[in-house]
Amino acid sequence: MNTLQLKNSILQKIAQIDDADQLKKILDQIEPVFKNLTNQTSKVPPLSNNKSDINNDKENFNEYIKEWLKEM
C-alpha cells in the first residue's frame, strides 16, 4: 500500500466511528505523532542575515545553504 492508500483507508475507518469517546481516544493517539513531525521540521535552521559588513546591504546565505544541505 502506498501512502495515499493508507491515508484513505484510515480516513474511511475513522469516518465510520460515531462515538465521540472513541474518536477522542484516536485523537489522543495521533496528536503525539503530529507533535513529533512538527519538531522534526522545526529543526531546519531559520534564515538569518549574515552580513559581513554593516555597509553591505547584500545578504549572504552561504552558511544557511551549507547547513541546509547537511540536514538533507
Protein backbone atom coordinates (compact mmCIF):
# COMPACT_ATOMS: atom_id res chain seq x y z
CA MET A 1 0.00 0.00 0.00
CA ASN A 2 1.26 3.46 -0.81
CA THR A 3 0.86 6.50 1.42
CA LEU A 4 -2.29 7.77 -0.26
CA GLN A 5 -3.99 4.38 0.01
CA LEU A 6 -3.07 4.14 3.70
CA LYS A 7 -4.43 7.62 4.39
CA ASN A 8 -7.68 6.85 2.60
CA SER A 9 -8.06 3.55 4.45
CA ILE A 10 -7.51 5.23 7.82
CA LEU A 11 -9.91 8.06 6.99
CA GLN A 12 -12.62 5.64 5.84
CA LYS A 13 -12.38 3.68 9.08
CA ILE A 14 -12.42 6.82 11.22
CA ALA A 15 -15.43 8.15 9.27
CA GLN A 16 -17.40 5.07 10.33
CA ILE A 17 -16.98 5.85 14.04
CA ASP A 18 -19.85 7.79 15.60
CA ASP A 19 -18.77 7.52 19.25
CA ALA A 20 -17.17 10.77 20.45
CA ASP A 21 -15.21 8.94 23.17
CA GLN A 22 -13.65 6.59 20.64
CA LEU A 23 -12.76 9.50 18.37
CA LYS A 24 -11.17 11.31 21.32
CA LYS A 25 -9.05 8.23 22.05
CA ILE A 26 -7.90 8.13 18.43
CA LEU A 27 -7.07 11.83 18.54
CA ASP A 28 -5.08 11.34 21.74
CA GLN A 29 -3.04 8.66 19.96
CA ILE A 30 -2.47 10.72 16.81
CA GLU A 31 -1.51 14.06 18.41
CA PRO A 32 1.94 12.92 19.63
CA VAL A 33 2.75 11.82 16.09
CA PHE A 34 1.90 15.30 14.77
CA LYS A 35 3.98 16.93 17.50
CA ASN A 36 6.90 14.71 16.59
CA LEU A 37 6.58 15.64 12.91
CA THR A 38 6.41 19.33 13.83
CA ASN A 39 9.55 19.01 15.95
CA GLN A 40 11.40 17.35 13.08
CA THR A 41 10.52 20.08 10.61
CA SER A 42 11.38 22.84 13.08
CA LYS A 43 15.00 21.62 13.27
CA VAL A 44 15.71 23.34 9.96
CA PRO A 45 17.72 26.44 10.80
CA PRO A 46 15.90 29.70 10.14
CA LEU A 47 17.12 32.10 7.52
CA SER A 48 19.45 34.63 9.01
CA ASN A 49 21.09 37.73 7.71
CA ASN A 50 24.82 37.04 7.60
CA LYS A 51 26.01 40.48 6.63
CA SER A 52 29.76 40.67 6.89
CA ASP A 53 29.82 44.45 6.86
CA ILE A 54 27.34 46.98 8.22
CA ASN A 55 27.59 48.98 5.00
CA ASN A 56 26.99 45.91 2.88
CA ASP A 57 23.26 45.52 2.23
CA LYS A 58 23.57 42.16 0.47
CA GLU A 59 22.64 39.11 2.46
CA ASN A 60 24.99 36.14 2.47
CA PHE A 61 23.09 32.86 2.65
CA ASN A 62 26.11 30.61 2.11
CA GLU A 63 26.18 29.37 5.71
CA TYR A 64 22.45 28.73 5.72
CA ILE A 65 22.70 26.75 2.46
CA LYS A 66 25.60 24.70 3.81
CA GLU A 67 23.64 23.83 6.96
CA TRP A 68 20.54 23.06 4.95
CA LEU A 69 22.49 20.69 2.68
CA LYS A 70 23.98 18.92 5.72
CA GLU A 71 20.44 18.31 7.04
CA MET A 72 19.33 16.72 3.74
